[in-house]
Amino acid sequence: MTTTSRTPYVHELKKVGQAVDERIRDLQSGYLRDHSEAVATLAKLRRGAGKTIEEVPELVGLTVDHRFYDVFDVRDPHTPDAEAAVHEALTLYALHQQSKRDRGMHRRGREFGAAVRRLMPVGDIDEPLRKRFVQAQSAGNHRTRLDRLRGIVQRLRSEDIPLDYGLLADQLYDVRTPKGAERVRRAWGRSFQAHRPSKRPSGEGTEQNGSDTEA
């Protein structure tokens, strides 16, 4: 009997996700090459991890620079939500990448729910982590959601498990409306439940630009 490997589905990024993906590719490439500017930028961005854009106004020029406004119209009433989502995704990525000089923690195709499931033992559930994941899904306010996400990202960092921050940025933008929040809950829950463990290849995550999809 011949078995064929299933090519993982990679979500197409929307405008917010595309902006974050492009920005992180530049930062990640520079960081992995020990470029001083990228190293310094990520160190500053880490201070905002788990905080709203309003809580760290000094980071606005780093997270939403002139390139952002080449794509997003300042007159659009949805632009503030896009600014916030970009800020949140970039600062969480900066925390995730901290001290990881040999591998990129941004990887296209690595969905949030599946990443959380990979933290758990095969065939078992880490109940405290599951509760934190559920709280991130169902949080009544965005500040609480960010706090839960920050804790999960710290766990992902400790286990060298990458995440698609472009997709996460799109979801952090979408979650700001009731219908969008429901879509994000379903997407996170679906990827958590659908994940099937596979042997992680030696040296996983060593790609320099985060372009590879899930193996």
Protein backbone atom coordinates (compact mmCIF):
# COMPACT_ATOMS: atom_id res chain seq x y z
CA MET A 1 0.00 0.00 0.00
CA THR A 2 1.38 3.34 -1.01
CA THR A 3 0.96 6.31 1.30
CA THR A 4 1.26 9.87 0.14
CA SER A 5 2.23 12.80 2.30
CA ARG A 6 -0.36 15.51 2.71
CA THR A 7 0.74 18.97 1.69
CA PRO A 8 -0.19 21.33 4.53
CA TYR A 9 -2.60 24.12 3.73
CA VAL A 10 -1.11 27.59 4.09
CA HIS A 11 -3.60 30.41 4.54
CA GLU A 12 -3.30 33.31 2.16
CA LEU A 13 -2.44 36.43 4.12
CA LYS A 14 -4.57 39.54 4.05
CA LYS A 15 -3.22 43.09 4.17
CA VAL A 16 -2.39 43.11 7.87
CA GLY A 17 -0.72 39.72 7.72
CA GLN A 18 1.23 40.64 4.60
CA ALA A 19 2.57 43.76 6.31
CA VAL A 20 3.68 41.76 9.35
CA ASP A 21 5.15 38.92 7.30
CA GLU A 22 7.24 41.35 5.26
CA ARG A 23 8.42 43.26 8.31
CA ILE A 24 9.33 40.14 10.27
CA ARG A 25 11.19 38.59 7.34
CA ASP A 26 13.46 41.63 7.29
CA LEU A 27 13.94 41.65 11.06
CA GLN A 28 14.43 37.90 11.31
CA SER A 29 16.96 37.80 8.52
CA GLY A 30 18.95 40.60 10.13
CA TYR A 31 18.71 39.11 13.61
CA LEU A 32 19.94 35.71 12.50
CA ARG A 33 22.88 37.42 10.80
CA ASP A 34 23.58 39.41 13.98
CA HIS A 35 22.96 42.77 12.34
CA SER A 36 23.06 45.35 15.11
CA GLU A 37 20.00 47.30 13.92
CA ALA A 38 17.75 44.23 13.87
CA VAL A 39 19.06 43.04 17.25
CA ALA A 40 18.39 46.45 18.80
CA THR A 41 14.93 46.73 17.22
CA LEU A 42 13.80 43.36 18.52
CA ALA A 43 15.09 44.20 22.00
CA LYS A 44 12.93 47.34 21.99
CA LEU A 45 9.90 45.53 20.58
CA ARG A 46 10.04 42.90 23.33
CA ARG A 47 9.08 45.54 25.85
CA GLY A 48 5.65 45.69 24.25
CA ALA A 49 4.92 41.94 24.20
CA GLY A 50 1.51 41.28 25.71
CA LYS A 51 0.69 45.00 25.92
CA THR A 52 -1.73 47.00 23.83
CA ILE A 53 -0.47 49.68 21.47
CA GLU A 54 -1.86 52.34 23.82
CA GLU A 55 0.27 51.05 26.71
CA VAL A 56 3.59 51.51 24.90
CA PRO A 57 3.22 54.58 22.64
CA GLU A 58 7.00 54.88 22.38
CA LEU A 59 7.02 51.78 20.15
CA VAL A 60 4.58 53.07 17.55
CA GLY A 61 7.32 54.23 15.19
CA LEU A 62 8.89 50.77 15.30
CA THR A 63 5.76 48.72 14.76
CA VAL A 64 3.83 50.93 12.34
CA ASP A 65 6.35 52.93 10.36
CA HIS A 66 5.97 54.76 7.03
CA ARG A 67 5.67 51.48 5.12
CA PHE A 68 2.46 50.68 6.95
CA TYR A 69 0.83 53.89 5.71
CA ASP A 70 1.83 53.12 2.14
CA VAL A 71 -0.77 50.33 2.41
CA PHE A 72 -3.31 51.57 4.98
CA ASP A 73 -5.24 54.81 4.57
CA VAL A 74 -5.13 56.97 7.70
CA ARG A 75 -8.71 58.05 6.95
CA ASP A 76 -10.04 54.49 7.06
CA PRO A 77 -11.89 53.89 10.35
CA HIS A 78 -10.46 50.36 10.48
CA THR A 79 -6.85 51.53 10.34
CA PRO A 80 -6.48 51.85 14.15
CA ASP A 81 -7.41 48.16 14.50
CA ALA A 82 -4.84 47.28 11.85
CA GLU A 83 -2.20 49.33 13.68
CA ALA A 84 -2.97 47.50 16.90
CA ALA A 85 -2.84 44.04 15.31
CA VAL A 86 0.51 44.78 13.66
CA HIS A 87 1.90 46.06 16.96
CA GLU A 88 0.71 42.99 18.86
CA ALA A 89 2.02 40.45 16.37
CA LEU A 90 5.43 42.13 16.02
CA THR A 91 5.99 42.46 19.76
CA LEU A 92 4.96 38.86 20.43
CA TYR A 93 7.32 37.74 17.68
CA ALA A 94 10.16 39.73 19.26
CA LEU A 95 9.58 37.86 22.52
CA HIS A 96 9.45 34.53 20.67
CA GLN A 97 12.69 35.18 18.81
CA GLN A 98 14.68 36.31 21.87
CA SER A 99 18.11 34.62 22.05
CA LYS A 100 17.25 32.29 19.14
CA ARG A 101 20.26 33.12 16.99
CA ASP A 102 20.26 29.93 14.92
CA ARG A 103 16.61 29.59 13.90
CA GLY A 104 13.68 31.77 12.92
CA MET A 105 10.55 31.61 15.06
CA HIS A 106 8.35 33.07 12.33
CA ARG A 107 7.37 30.35 9.86
CA ARG A 108 4.57 30.46 7.34
CA GLY A 109 2.00 27.72 7.75
CA ARG A 110 2.45 27.19 11.50
CA GLU A 111 -1.01 27.83 12.93
CA PHE A 112 -1.56 28.91 16.51
CA GLY A 113 -3.79 26.05 17.66
CA ALA A 114 -1.49 23.40 16.20
CA ALA A 115 1.51 25.08 17.83
CA VAL A 116 -0.20 24.90 21.22
CA ARG A 117 -1.03 21.21 20.68
CA ARG A 118 2.62 20.52 19.89
CA LEU A 119 3.52 21.76 23.37
CA MET A 120 1.52 18.92 24.90
CA PRO A 121 2.56 15.28 25.36
CA VAL A 122 1.51 12.97 22.53
CA GLY A 123 -1.83 11.43 23.41
CA ASP A 124 -2.27 13.57 26.51
CA ILE A 125 -3.49 17.04 27.47
CA ASP A 126 -1.59 19.60 29.51
CA GLU A 127 -4.59 20.95 31.44
CA PRO A 128 -3.10 24.28 32.63
CA LEU A 129 -1.95 25.01 29.08
CA ARG A 130 -5.33 23.99 27.68
CA LYS A 131 -7.04 26.42 30.05
CA ARG A 132 -4.74 29.24 28.99
CA PHE A 133 -5.47 28.42 25.35
CA VAL A 134 -9.23 28.46 25.98
CA GLN A 135 -8.90 31.76 27.83
CA ALA A 136 -7.06 33.24 24.84
CA GLN A 137 -9.87 32.05 22.59
CA SER A 138 -12.73 33.31 24.73
CA ALA A 139 -11.28 36.39 26.45
CA GLY A 140 -13.86 39.09 27.03
CA ASN A 141 -11.36 41.87 26.45
CA HIS A 142 -8.31 42.18 24.27
CA ARG A 143 -5.91 42.96 27.12
CA THR A 144 -6.67 39.60 28.71
CA ARG A 145 -6.24 37.84 25.37
CA LEU A 146 -2.83 39.41 24.89
CA ASP A 147 -1.73 38.37 28.35
CA ARG A 148 -2.66 34.76 27.63
CA LEU A 149 -0.97 34.88 24.24
CA ARG A 150 2.21 36.20 25.82
CA GLY A 151 2.33 33.26 28.22
CA ILE A 152 1.80 30.77 25.41
CA VAL A 153 4.45 32.40 23.23
CA GLN A 154 6.94 32.07 26.09
CA ARG A 155 6.20 28.34 26.15
CA LEU A 156 6.60 28.08 22.37
CA ARG A 157 9.92 29.87 22.64
CA SER A 158 11.18 27.46 25.31
CA GLU A 159 10.37 24.49 23.07
CA ASP A 160 11.65 26.02 19.78
CA ILE A 161 8.21 25.78 18.18
CA PRO A 162 7.73 28.43 15.45
CA LEU A 163 4.54 30.29 14.60
CA ASP A 164 3.08 32.03 11.56
CA TYR A 165 2.97 35.62 12.76
CA GLY A 166 1.48 36.90 9.52
CA LEU A 167 -1.55 34.68 10.04
CA LEU A 168 -1.68 35.56 13.74
CA ALA A 169 -1.70 39.27 12.83
CA ASP A 170 -4.65 38.76 10.50
CA GLN A 171 -6.46 36.93 13.30
CA LEU A 172 -5.66 39.62 15.88
CA TYR A 173 -7.23 42.11 13.49
CA ASP A 174 -10.27 39.94 12.79
CA VAL A 175 -10.91 39.15 16.46
CA ARG A 176 -11.93 42.75 17.14
CA THR A 177 -15.47 42.20 15.83
CA PRO A 178 -17.98 39.66 17.23
CA LYS A 179 -18.17 37.70 13.98
CA GLY A 180 -14.41 37.88 13.56
CA ALA A 181 -13.88 36.65 17.12
CA GLU A 182 -16.02 33.62 16.34
CA ARG A 183 -14.02 32.91 13.17
CA VAL A 184 -10.76 33.10 15.13
CA ARG A 185 -12.06 30.81 17.89
CA ARG A 186 -13.06 28.25 15.29
CA ALA A 187 -9.74 28.53 13.45
CA TRP A 188 -7.66 28.11 16.61
CA GLY A 189 -9.80 25.24 17.85
CA ARG A 190 -9.77 23.52 14.46
CA SER A 191 -6.00 23.66 14.08
CA PHE A 192 -5.57 22.42 17.68
CA GLN A 193 -7.84 19.43 17.13
CA ALA A 194 -6.60 18.64 13.61
CA HIS A 195 -2.91 18.59 14.53
CA ARG A 196 -1.29 15.17 14.28
CA PRO A 197 2.14 14.67 15.82
CA SER A 198 5.03 13.85 13.57
CA LYS A 199 8.68 13.33 14.23
CA ARG A 200 10.31 16.73 14.32
CA PRO A 201 13.34 16.67 12.04
CA SER A 202 16.74 17.42 13.49
CA GLY A 203 17.58 21.11 13.32
CA GLU A 204 13.99 22.18 12.66
CA GLY A 205 13.63 25.89 12.37
CA THR A 206 17.08 26.64 10.99
CA GLU A 207 15.68 28.38 7.90
CA GLN A 208 16.89 31.96 7.74
CA ASN A 209 13.83 33.79 6.45
CA GLY A 210 10.84 31.91 7.83
CA SER A 211 9.47 31.05 4.39
CA ASP A 212 9.07 27.31 4.85
CA THR A 213 5.73 25.76 5.69
CA GLU A 214 5.04 23.06 8.22
CA ALA A 215 6.72 19.75 7.57
